[in-house]
């Protein structure tokens, strides 16, 4: 059977389930690689994926294409699909961040990501104070007020969604496209903390205060105050996570 004919048969077999199947296999294999269960040098084949996960060749191939685009694996004729060394991975990819945080290596990943946030977000806050639009400034103040309301109410799920929106907006409005590109990664970190039960039922008052201070400083165009207040937010994160 030709490749084109195989693809048509696979698609007919998958029906409307291909996206769900693809996501399931991608998440499972991705976490296995990120955790080290599939060590660098491990070899995979489309046939093994088909048999192990009960999916078509199309789903198996599409899964490998995504992993290859993230530099987690490479593919060579007569060699197969090989897991790459971690130093070659696209570590800023939000999917990989999520997989690493879902693995047994989550502690070291949280430490690395928190250090990155400490290096970036205070400067981003200062940038937002200098460059954010009037609309972005008012949105940030509104989100800080929403964080206060939801945090004091103990609505952790809604609080997390608002916190993600707050930090995304801050990175988007800072005027540095390199920092803005990290918004998906930061969103995964914030979401994972809640999903893994690493957030307190009610955020600490100091954290709520610091979010409001950042927003007020950005709204007022005070770059120094915005940077300082964001350092306070991340110091609280580091303390809450037991990172030193």
C-alpha atoms as a PDB file:
ATOM      1  CA  UNK A   1       0.000   0.000   0.000  1.00  0.00           C
ATOM      2  CA  UNK A   2       1.390   3.450  -0.886  1.00  0.00           C
ATOM      3  CA  UNK A   3       2.024   6.131   1.743  1.00  0.00           C
ATOM      4  CA  UNK A   4      -0.847   8.252   0.410  1.00  0.00           C
ATOM      5  CA  UNK A   5      -3.181   5.252   0.536  1.00  0.00           C
ATOM      6  CA  UNK A   6      -1.993   4.436   4.078  1.00  0.00           C
ATOM      7  CA  UNK A   7      -2.692   8.007   5.182  1.00  0.00           C
ATOM      8  CA  UNK A   8      -6.217   7.884   3.746  1.00  0.00           C
ATOM      9  CA  UNK A   9      -6.868   4.598   5.484  1.00  0.00           C
ATOM     10  CA  UNK A  10      -5.447   5.910   8.764  1.00  0.00           C
ATOM     11  CA  UNK A  11      -7.552   9.055   8.618  1.00  0.00           C
ATOM     12  CA  UNK A  12     -10.653   7.029   7.912  1.00  0.00           C
ATOM     13  CA  UNK A  13      -9.791   4.786  10.863  1.00  0.00           C
ATOM     14  CA  UNK A  14      -9.130   7.702  13.221  1.00  0.00           C
ATOM     15  CA  UNK A  15     -12.337   9.499  12.314  1.00  0.00           C
ATOM     16  CA  UNK A  16     -12.866  12.494  14.572  1.00  0.00           C
ATOM     17  CA  UNK A  17     -10.664  11.073  17.319  1.00  0.00           C
ATOM     18  CA  UNK A  18      -7.275  11.895  15.791  1.00  0.00           C
ATOM     19  CA  UNK A  19      -6.715  15.145  17.739  1.00  0.00           C
ATOM     20  CA  UNK A  20      -7.560  13.485  21.070  1.00  0.00           C
ATOM     21  CA  UNK A  21      -5.458  10.432  20.282  1.00  0.00           C
ATOM     22  CA  UNK A  22      -2.576  12.583  19.122  1.00  0.00           C
ATOM     23  CA  UNK A  23      -2.678  14.673  22.311  1.00  0.00           C
ATOM     24  CA  UNK A  24      -2.809  11.598  24.537  1.00  0.00           C
ATOM     25  CA  UNK A  25       0.210   9.972  22.912  1.00  0.00           C
ATOM     26  CA  UNK A  26       2.103  13.267  22.742  1.00  0.00           C
ATOM     27  CA  UNK A  27       1.587  13.956  26.459  1.00  0.00           C
ATOM     28  CA  UNK A  28       2.547  10.421  27.491  1.00  0.00           C
ATOM     29  CA  UNK A  29       5.700  10.217  25.395  1.00  0.00           C
ATOM     30  CA  UNK A  30       6.605  13.836  26.197  1.00  0.00           C
ATOM     31  CA  UNK A  31       6.445  13.245  29.960  1.00  0.00           C
ATOM     32  CA  UNK A  32       8.456  10.013  29.548  1.00  0.00           C
ATOM     33  CA  UNK A  33      11.230  11.917  27.777  1.00  0.00           C
ATOM     34  CA  UNK A  34      11.104  14.911  30.137  1.00  0.00           C
ATOM     35  CA  UNK A  35      11.282  12.662  33.208  1.00  0.00           C
ATOM     36  CA  UNK A  36      14.169  10.605  31.890  1.00  0.00           C
ATOM     37  CA  UNK A  37      12.119   7.410  31.674  1.00  0.00           C
ATOM     38  CA  UNK A  38      13.049   7.524  27.989  1.00  0.00           C
ATOM     39  CA  UNK A  39      16.724   8.404  28.326  1.00  0.00           C
ATOM     40  CA  UNK A  40      18.829  10.162  25.685  1.00  0.00           C
ATOM     41  CA  UNK A  41      19.750   7.666  22.999  1.00  0.00           C
ATOM     42  CA  UNK A  42      16.555   5.649  23.453  1.00  0.00           C
ATOM     43  CA  UNK A  43      15.073   4.596  20.126  1.00  0.00           C
ATOM     44  CA  UNK A  44      11.432   4.715  19.158  1.00  0.00           C
ATOM     45  CA  UNK A  45       9.605   3.450  16.112  1.00  0.00           C
ATOM     46  CA  UNK A  46       6.242   4.313  14.659  1.00  0.00           C
ATOM     47  CA  UNK A  47       5.307   0.645  14.821  1.00  0.00           C
ATOM     48  CA  UNK A  48       5.958   0.448  18.573  1.00  0.00           C
ATOM     49  CA  UNK A  49       3.914   3.593  19.208  1.00  0.00           C
ATOM     50  CA  UNK A  50       1.054   2.200  17.145  1.00  0.00           C
ATOM     51  CA  UNK A  51       1.049  -1.054  19.092  1.00  0.00           C
ATOM     52  CA  UNK A  52       1.600   0.422  22.550  1.00  0.00           C
ATOM     53  CA  UNK A  53      -1.022   3.169  22.327  1.00  0.00           C
ATOM     54  CA  UNK A  54      -3.448   1.618  19.865  1.00  0.00           C
ATOM     55  CA  UNK A  55      -3.231   4.477  17.387  1.00  0.00           C
ATOM     56  CA  UNK A  56      -2.779   4.739  13.650  1.00  0.00           C
ATOM     57  CA  UNK A  57       0.461   5.395  11.817  1.00  0.00           C
ATOM     58  CA  UNK A  58      -0.726   8.936  11.055  1.00  0.00           C
ATOM     59  CA  UNK A  59      -1.161   9.735  14.771  1.00  0.00           C
ATOM     60  CA  UNK A  60       2.201   8.159  15.639  1.00  0.00           C
ATOM     61  CA  UNK A  61       3.962  10.076  12.870  1.00  0.00           C
ATOM     62  CA  UNK A  62       2.323  13.403  13.804  1.00  0.00           C
ATOM     63  CA  UNK A  63       3.355  12.876  17.423  1.00  0.00           C
ATOM     64  CA  UNK A  64       6.966  12.358  16.414  1.00  0.00           C
ATOM     65  CA  UNK A  65       6.875  15.467  14.223  1.00  0.00           C
ATOM     66  CA  UNK A  66       5.885  17.605  17.207  1.00  0.00           C
ATOM     67  CA  UNK A  67       8.580  16.077  19.422  1.00  0.00           C
ATOM     68  CA  UNK A  68      11.130  16.616  16.665  1.00  0.00           C
ATOM     69  CA  UNK A  69      10.101  20.275  16.330  1.00  0.00           C
ATOM     70  CA  UNK A  70      10.882  20.659  20.048  1.00  0.00           C
ATOM     71  CA  UNK A  71      14.302  19.008  19.590  1.00  0.00           C
ATOM     72  CA  UNK A  72      13.328  16.189  21.948  1.00  0.00           C
ATOM     73  CA  UNK A  73      13.986  13.592  19.264  1.00  0.00           C
ATOM     74  CA  UNK A  74      15.607  13.343  15.857  1.00  0.00           C
ATOM     75  CA  UNK A  75      14.795  10.994  13.023  1.00  0.00           C
ATOM     76  CA  UNK A  76      17.236   9.323  10.619  1.00  0.00           C
ATOM     77  CA  UNK A  77      16.683   6.745   7.919  1.00  0.00           C
ATOM     78  CA  UNK A  78      17.883   3.286   8.946  1.00  0.00           C
ATOM     79  CA  UNK A  79      18.385   4.613  12.480  1.00  0.00           C
ATOM     80  CA  UNK A  80      14.851   5.438  13.589  1.00  0.00           C
ATOM     81  CA  UNK A  81      13.647   8.028  16.074  1.00  0.00           C
ATOM     82  CA  UNK A  82      16.191   8.814  18.787  1.00  0.00           C
ATOM     83  CA  UNK A  83      15.742  10.771  22.032  1.00  0.00           C
ATOM     84  CA  UNK A  84      18.013  13.817  22.145  1.00  0.00           C
ATOM     85  CA  UNK A  85      20.231  15.010  24.994  1.00  0.00           C
ATOM     86  CA  UNK A  86      18.475  17.563  27.291  1.00  0.00           C
ATOM     87  CA  UNK A  87      20.990  20.274  26.372  1.00  0.00           C
ATOM     88  CA  UNK A  88      19.443  20.280  22.876  1.00  0.00           C
ATOM     89  CA  UNK A  89      15.810  20.551  23.986  1.00  0.00           C
ATOM     90  CA  UNK A  90      13.739  23.665  23.376  1.00  0.00           C
ATOM     91  CA  UNK A  91      13.386  24.270  27.113  1.00  0.00           C
ATOM     92  CA  UNK A  92      11.242  27.398  26.656  1.00  0.00           C
ATOM     93  CA  UNK A  93       8.472  25.502  24.886  1.00  0.00           C
ATOM     94  CA  UNK A  94       5.353  25.655  27.126  1.00  0.00           C
ATOM     95  CA  UNK A  95       4.535  21.996  26.427  1.00  0.00           C
ATOM     96  CA  UNK A  96       7.962  20.883  27.590  1.00  0.00           C
ATOM     97  CA  UNK A  97       7.677  23.104  30.657  1.00  0.00           C
ATOM     98  CA  UNK A  98       4.370  21.399  31.498  1.00  0.00           C
ATOM     99  CA  UNK A  99       5.836  17.930  30.972  1.00  0.00           C
ATOM    100  CA  UNK A 100       8.870  18.639  33.113  1.00  0.00           C
ATOM    101  CA  UNK A 101       6.642  19.990  35.877  1.00  0.00           C
ATOM    102  CA  UNK A 102       4.541  16.811  35.661  1.00  0.00           C
ATOM    103  CA  UNK A 103       7.602  14.586  36.068  1.00  0.00           C
ATOM    104  CA  UNK A 104       9.546  13.470  39.123  1.00  0.00           C
ATOM    105  CA  UNK A 105      12.083  16.183  38.288  1.00  0.00           C
ATOM    106  CA  UNK A 106       9.593  18.961  39.003  1.00  0.00           C
ATOM    107  CA  UNK A 107      11.584  20.413  41.930  1.00  0.00           C
ATOM    108  CA  UNK A 108      14.647  21.201  39.818  1.00  0.00           C
ATOM    109  CA  UNK A 109      12.427  22.528  37.034  1.00  0.00           C
ATOM    110  CA  UNK A 110      10.590  24.860  39.433  1.00  0.00           C
ATOM    111  CA  UNK A 111      13.955  26.082  40.715  1.00  0.00           C
ATOM    112  CA  UNK A 112      15.215  26.824  37.185  1.00  0.00           C
ATOM    113  CA  UNK A 113      11.996  28.541  36.151  1.00  0.00           C
ATOM    114  CA  UNK A 114      11.826  30.645  39.309  1.00  0.00           C
ATOM    115  CA  UNK A 115      15.393  31.827  38.771  1.00  0.00           C
ATOM    116  CA  UNK A 116      14.474  32.747  35.197  1.00  0.00           C
ATOM    117  CA  UNK A 117      11.414  34.660  36.379  1.00  0.00           C
ATOM    118  CA  UNK A 118      13.522  36.531  38.942  1.00  0.00           C
ATOM    119  CA  UNK A 119      15.914  37.541  36.163  1.00  0.00           C
ATOM    120  CA  UNK A 120      13.168  38.637  33.748  1.00  0.00           C
ATOM    121  CA  UNK A 121       9.938  39.764  35.391  1.00  0.00           C
ATOM    122  CA  UNK A 122      11.242  42.655  37.527  1.00  0.00           C
ATOM    123  CA  UNK A 123      12.866  44.191  34.429  1.00  0.00           C
ATOM    124  CA  UNK A 124       9.665  43.502  32.495  1.00  0.00           C
ATOM    125  CA  UNK A 125       7.675  45.338  35.186  1.00  0.00           C
ATOM    126  CA  UNK A 126       9.999  48.321  34.860  1.00  0.00           C
ATOM    127  CA  UNK A 127       9.581  48.178  31.090  1.00  0.00           C
ATOM    128  CA  UNK A 128       5.808  48.115  31.420  1.00  0.00           C
ATOM    129  CA  UNK A 129       5.976  51.209  33.629  1.00  0.00           C
ATOM    130  CA  UNK A 130       7.828  52.990  30.837  1.00  0.00           C
ATOM    131  CA  UNK A 131       6.053  51.631  27.756  1.00  0.00           C
ATOM    132  CA  UNK A 132       2.612  50.161  28.517  1.00  0.00           C
ATOM    133  CA  UNK A 133      -0.374  51.774  26.863  1.00  0.00           C
ATOM    134  CA  UNK A 134      -3.048  53.538  28.909  1.00  0.00           C
ATOM    135  CA  UNK A 135      -5.382  50.583  28.324  1.00  0.00           C
ATOM    136  CA  UNK A 136      -2.765  48.065  29.478  1.00  0.00           C
ATOM    137  CA  UNK A 137      -2.070  50.077  32.623  1.00  0.00           C
ATOM    138  CA  UNK A 138      -5.751  50.203  33.559  1.00  0.00           C
ATOM    139  CA  UNK A 139      -6.173  46.484  32.806  1.00  0.00           C
ATOM    140  CA  UNK A 140      -3.276  45.618  35.092  1.00  0.00           C
ATOM    141  CA  UNK A 141      -4.779  47.645  37.950  1.00  0.00           C
ATOM    142  CA  UNK A 142      -8.136  45.924  37.402  1.00  0.00           C
ATOM    143  CA  UNK A 143      -6.501  42.485  37.422  1.00  0.00           C
ATOM    144  CA  UNK A 144      -4.657  43.282  40.653  1.00  0.00           C
ATOM    145  CA  UNK A 145      -7.996  44.224  42.254  1.00  0.00           C
ATOM    146  CA  UNK A 146      -9.504  40.994  40.942  1.00  0.00           C
ATOM    147  CA  UNK A 147      -6.615  39.024  42.438  1.00  0.00           C
ATOM    148  CA  UNK A 148      -7.319  40.643  45.788  1.00  0.00           C
ATOM    149  CA  UNK A 149     -11.028  39.774  45.610  1.00  0.00           C
ATOM    150  CA  UNK A 150     -10.537  36.190  44.456  1.00  0.00           C
ATOM    151  CA  UNK A 151      -7.607  35.544  46.777  1.00  0.00           C
ATOM    152  CA  UNK A 152      -9.475  36.688  49.869  1.00  0.00           C
ATOM    153  CA  UNK A 153     -12.507  34.647  48.766  1.00  0.00           C
ATOM    154  CA  UNK A 154     -10.380  31.524  48.434  1.00  0.00           C
ATOM    155  CA  UNK A 155     -11.458  30.918  44.837  1.00  0.00           C
ATOM    156  CA  UNK A 156      -8.170  29.329  43.847  1.00  0.00           C
ATOM    157  CA  UNK A 157      -9.114  28.262  40.316  1.00  0.00           C
ATOM    158  CA  UNK A 158     -10.389  31.703  39.329  1.00  0.00           C
ATOM    159  CA  UNK A 159      -7.458  33.317  41.151  1.00  0.00           C
ATOM    160  CA  UNK A 160      -5.005  31.275  39.077  1.00  0.00           C
ATOM    161  CA  UNK A 161      -6.718  32.312  35.830  1.00  0.00           C
ATOM    162  CA  UNK A 162      -6.514  35.973  36.871  1.00  0.00           C
ATOM    163  CA  UNK A 163      -2.884  35.563  37.952  1.00  0.00           C
ATOM    164  CA  UNK A 164      -1.999  34.071  34.564  1.00  0.00           C
ATOM    165  CA  UNK A 165      -3.735  36.989  32.824  1.00  0.00           C
ATOM    166  CA  UNK A 166      -1.882  39.471  35.072  1.00  0.00           C
ATOM    167  CA  UNK A 167       1.585  38.097  34.332  1.00  0.00           C
ATOM    168  CA  UNK A 168       0.840  37.601  30.636  1.00  0.00           C
ATOM    169  CA  UNK A 169      -0.240  41.235  30.368  1.00  0.00           C
ATOM    170  CA  UNK A 170       2.840  42.440  32.206  1.00  0.00           C
ATOM    171  CA  UNK A 171       5.149  40.561  29.827  1.00  0.00           C
ATOM    172  CA  UNK A 172       3.179  41.646  26.757  1.00  0.00           C
ATOM    173  CA  UNK A 173       3.206  45.312  27.731  1.00  0.00           C
ATOM    174  CA  UNK A 174       6.882  45.624  28.675  1.00  0.00           C
ATOM    175  CA  UNK A 175       8.007  46.520  25.170  1.00  0.00           C
ATOM    176  CA  UNK A 176      10.625  43.751  24.969  1.00  0.00           C
ATOM    177  CA  UNK A 177       9.687  41.041  22.462  1.00  0.00           C
ATOM    178  CA  UNK A 178      12.158  38.590  24.021  1.00  0.00           C
ATOM    179  CA  UNK A 179      10.405  38.861  27.376  1.00  0.00           C
ATOM    180  CA  UNK A 180       6.957  38.783  25.773  1.00  0.00           C
ATOM    181  CA  UNK A 181       7.817  35.435  24.158  1.00  0.00           C
ATOM    182  CA  UNK A 182       8.047  33.891  27.648  1.00  0.00           C
ATOM    183  CA  UNK A 183       4.393  34.486  28.532  1.00  0.00           C
ATOM    184  CA  UNK A 184       3.286  30.936  27.631  1.00  0.00           C
ATOM    185  CA  UNK A 185       6.053  29.450  29.748  1.00  0.00           C
ATOM    186  CA  UNK A 186       5.149  31.610  32.764  1.00  0.00           C
ATOM    187  CA  UNK A 187       1.475  30.697  32.331  1.00  0.00           C
ATOM    188  CA  UNK A 188       2.376  26.991  32.524  1.00  0.00           C
ATOM    189  CA  UNK A 189       4.355  27.547  35.728  1.00  0.00           C
ATOM    190  CA  UNK A 190       1.493  29.385  37.429  1.00  0.00           C
ATOM    191  CA  UNK A 191      -1.092  26.842  36.301  1.00  0.00           C
ATOM    192  CA  UNK A 192       1.022  23.852  37.333  1.00  0.00           C
ATOM    193  CA  UNK A 193       1.563  25.203  40.849  1.00  0.00           C
ATOM    194  CA  UNK A 194      -2.180  25.173  41.404  1.00  0.00           C
ATOM    195  CA  UNK A 195      -2.825  21.834  39.693  1.00  0.00           C
ATOM    196  CA  UNK A 196      -0.144  20.148  41.809  1.00  0.00           C
ATOM    197  CA  UNK A 197      -1.470  21.568  45.084  1.00  0.00           C
ATOM    198  CA  UNK A 198       1.533  23.824  45.642  1.00  0.00           C
ATOM    199  CA  UNK A 199      -0.529  26.984  46.140  1.00  0.00           C
ATOM    200  CA  UNK A 200      -2.007  27.874  49.543  1.00  0.00           C
ATOM    201  CA  UNK A 201      -5.809  27.869  49.785  1.00  0.00           C
ATOM    202  CA  UNK A 202      -5.625  31.634  50.205  1.00  0.00           C
ATOM    203  CA  UNK A 203      -2.696  33.639  48.823  1.00  0.00           C
ATOM    204  CA  UNK A 204      -0.567  35.420  51.395  1.00  0.00           C
ATOM    205  CA  UNK A 205      -1.567  39.060  52.016  1.00  0.00           C
ATOM    206  CA  UNK A 206       1.994  40.125  51.185  1.00  0.00           C
ATOM    207  CA  UNK A 207       1.658  38.603  47.720  1.00  0.00           C
ATOM    208  CA  UNK A 208      -1.643  40.384  47.071  1.00  0.00           C
ATOM    209  CA  UNK A 209      -0.119  43.661  48.295  1.00  0.00           C
ATOM    210  CA  UNK A 210       2.872  43.249  45.983  1.00  0.00           C
ATOM    211  CA  UNK A 211       0.678  42.591  42.936  1.00  0.00           C
ATOM    212  CA  UNK A 212      -1.240  45.775  43.664  1.00  0.00           C
ATOM    213  CA  UNK A 213       1.985  47.719  44.158  1.00  0.00           C
ATOM    214  CA  UNK A 214       3.359  46.535  40.800  1.00  0.00           C
ATOM    215  CA  UNK A 215       0.124  47.517  39.063  1.00  0.00           C
ATOM    216  CA  UNK A 216       0.041  50.920  40.751  1.00  0.00           C
ATOM    217  CA  UNK A 217       3.678  51.587  39.868  1.00  0.00           C
ATOM    218  CA  UNK A 218       3.109  50.585  36.233  1.00  0.00           C
ATOM    219  CA  UNK A 219       0.002  52.763  36.071  1.00  0.00           C
ATOM    220  CA  UNK A 220       1.967  55.661  37.536  1.00  0.00           C
ATOM    221  CA  UNK A 221       4.978  55.180  35.288  1.00  0.00           C
ATOM    222  CA  UNK A 222       7.329  54.471  38.227  1.00  0.00           C
ATOM    223  CA  UNK A 223       9.795  51.943  36.806  1.00  0.00           C
ATOM    224  CA  UNK A 224      11.895  51.652  39.959  1.00  0.00           C
ATOM    225  CA  UNK A 225       8.893  50.948  42.188  1.00  0.00           C
ATOM    226  CA  UNK A 226       7.490  48.430  39.687  1.00  0.00           C
ATOM    227  CA  UNK A 227      10.783  46.542  39.559  1.00  0.00           C
ATOM    228  CA  UNK A 228      11.125  46.497  43.349  1.00  0.00           C
ATOM    229  CA  UNK A 229       7.556  45.291  43.910  1.00  0.00           C
ATOM    230  CA  UNK A 230       7.960  42.516  41.349  1.00  0.00           C
ATOM    231  CA  UNK A 231      11.078  41.357  43.179  1.00  0.00           C
ATOM    232  CA  UNK A 232       8.885  41.078  46.304  1.00  0.00           C
ATOM    233  CA  UNK A 233       6.378  38.891  44.425  1.00  0.00           C
ATOM    234  CA  UNK A 234       9.098  36.527  43.260  1.00  0.00           C
ATOM    235  CA  UNK A 235      10.826  36.458  46.644  1.00  0.00           C
ATOM    236  CA  UNK A 236       7.505  35.266  48.070  1.00  0.00           C
ATOM    237  CA  UNK A 237       7.282  32.600  45.338  1.00  0.00           C
ATOM    238  CA  UNK A 238      10.799  31.391  46.090  1.00  0.00           C
ATOM    239  CA  UNK A 239      10.044  31.210  49.820  1.00  0.00           C
ATOM    240  CA  UNK A 240       6.693  29.450  49.285  1.00  0.00           C
ATOM    241  CA  UNK A 241       8.352  26.855  47.031  1.00  0.00           C
ATOM    242  CA  UNK A 242      11.178  26.270  49.537  1.00  0.00           C
ATOM    243  CA  UNK A 243      13.792  27.364  47.000  1.00  0.00           C
ATOM    244  CA  UNK A 244      17.082  28.864  48.137  1.00  0.00           C
END
